[in-house]
Amino acid sequence: MHALLNDAPDTRIVQQTGRVTTKQLDAVDQLLLILPERVPVSVWNALPQGARLKAAARKRDRDASPMLLSRLANKRQTLVLGGMLPTAAAPFDEL
């Protein structure tokens, strides 16, 4: 493996669709959220600390890229990166 890439055996990548619980996030260092462009209130309510994440998404400038950056108030201070995609996004844009 290249010297700049992490080859630690304890690195895990987990993908999950649907509801995420606080207990699940207690073991996560980083969380990547892919959200619709207009996030429904029900989605924010379903996320642990959703109000905090919603506030972080609103803080960005109107001209900025549609994303959020925050940390959860848990033991690991989980880093949350979220991107908002238009409903009609092309598959290439979704990547």
Protein backbone atom coordinates (compact mmCIF):
# COMPACT_ATOMS: atom_id res chain seq x y z
CA MET A 1 0.00 0.00 0.00
CA HIS A 2 1.14 3.57 -0.67
CA ALA A 3 2.86 5.30 2.26
CA LEU A 4 0.23 8.08 2.36
CA LEU A 5 -2.71 5.69 2.67
CA ASN A 6 -3.86 4.32 5.98
CA ASP A 7 -3.21 0.58 6.11
CA ALA A 8 -4.28 0.16 9.73
CA PRO A 9 -6.15 -3.12 10.17
CA ASP A 10 -8.71 -1.51 12.47
CA THR A 11 -10.10 0.84 9.80
CA ARG A 12 -13.69 -0.11 9.04
CA ILE A 13 -16.14 1.34 6.54
CA VAL A 14 -19.81 0.67 7.17
CA GLN A 15 -22.73 1.65 4.97
CA GLN A 16 -26.26 1.82 6.29
CA THR A 17 -29.44 3.15 4.82
CA GLY A 18 -32.34 4.25 6.93
CA ARG A 19 -32.46 5.17 10.59
CA VAL A 20 -29.25 5.60 12.60
CA THR A 21 -29.23 5.39 16.39
CA THR A 22 -27.15 7.21 18.98
CA LYS A 23 -25.70 3.90 20.16
CA GLN A 24 -24.48 3.09 16.65
CA LEU A 25 -22.77 6.48 16.36
CA ASP A 26 -20.94 6.08 19.67
CA ALA A 27 -18.51 3.74 17.89
CA VAL A 28 -18.03 5.94 14.80
CA ASP A 29 -15.22 8.47 14.25
CA GLN A 30 -16.64 9.98 11.05
CA LEU A 31 -20.12 9.99 9.55
CA LEU A 32 -20.95 10.85 5.95
CA LEU A 33 -24.57 11.84 5.29
CA ILE A 34 -26.04 12.04 1.80
CA LEU A 35 -29.24 14.04 2.05
CA PRO A 36 -31.82 15.45 -0.37
CA GLU A 37 -31.43 19.10 -1.37
CA ARG A 38 -34.47 20.08 0.69
CA VAL A 39 -34.18 17.99 3.81
CA PRO A 40 -37.61 17.21 5.31
CA VAL A 41 -38.11 17.88 9.02
CA SER A 42 -38.77 14.17 9.51
CA VAL A 43 -35.21 13.37 8.36
CA TRP A 44 -33.67 15.88 10.79
CA ASN A 45 -35.84 14.43 13.57
CA ALA A 46 -34.73 10.89 12.74
CA LEU A 47 -31.02 11.75 13.08
CA PRO A 48 -29.35 11.71 16.48
CA GLN A 49 -28.74 15.37 17.42
CA GLY A 50 -30.63 16.33 14.27
CA ALA A 51 -31.37 19.85 15.54
CA ARG A 52 -27.63 20.51 15.87
CA LEU A 53 -26.97 19.19 12.36
CA LYS A 54 -29.85 21.24 10.92
CA ALA A 55 -28.40 24.38 12.53
CA ALA A 56 -24.97 23.60 11.04
CA ALA A 57 -26.53 23.20 7.58
CA ARG A 58 -28.26 26.57 7.90
CA LYS A 59 -25.06 28.40 8.90
CA ARG A 60 -23.46 28.07 5.47
CA ASP A 61 -23.55 30.96 3.01
CA ARG A 62 -26.24 30.87 0.35
CA ASP A 63 -23.56 30.68 -2.37
CA ALA A 64 -21.59 27.95 -0.61
CA SER A 65 -21.72 24.32 -1.63
CA PRO A 66 -24.75 22.48 -0.20
CA MET A 67 -23.09 20.68 2.70
CA LEU A 68 -22.77 20.65 6.45
CA LEU A 69 -19.84 20.10 8.78
CA SER A 70 -20.29 19.45 12.49
CA ARG A 71 -19.31 17.25 15.41
CA LEU A 72 -21.66 15.26 17.59
CA ALA A 73 -21.68 15.68 21.35
CA ASN A 74 -20.66 12.11 22.09
CA LYS A 75 -17.55 10.49 23.59
CA ARG A 76 -15.76 10.28 20.23
CA GLN A 77 -16.86 13.74 19.04
CA THR A 78 -17.97 12.08 15.81
CA LEU A 79 -17.20 14.24 12.76
CA VAL A 80 -20.29 14.66 10.57
CA LEU A 81 -19.96 15.60 6.90
CA GLY A 82 -23.19 15.95 4.99
CA GLY A 83 -23.93 16.74 1.38
CA MET A 84 -27.27 17.72 -0.08
CA LEU A 85 -28.09 16.52 -3.58
CA PRO A 86 -30.88 17.65 -5.91
CA THR A 87 -33.61 15.04 -6.35
CA ALA A 88 -32.93 14.87 -10.08
CA ALA A 89 -29.14 14.56 -9.72
CA ALA A 90 -27.40 12.52 -12.37
CA PRO A 91 -25.64 9.35 -11.19
CA PHE A 92 -22.26 11.01 -11.80
CA ASP A 93 -23.25 13.93 -9.56
CA GLU A 94 -24.30 11.51 -6.83
CA LEU A 95 -20.78 10.10 -6.72
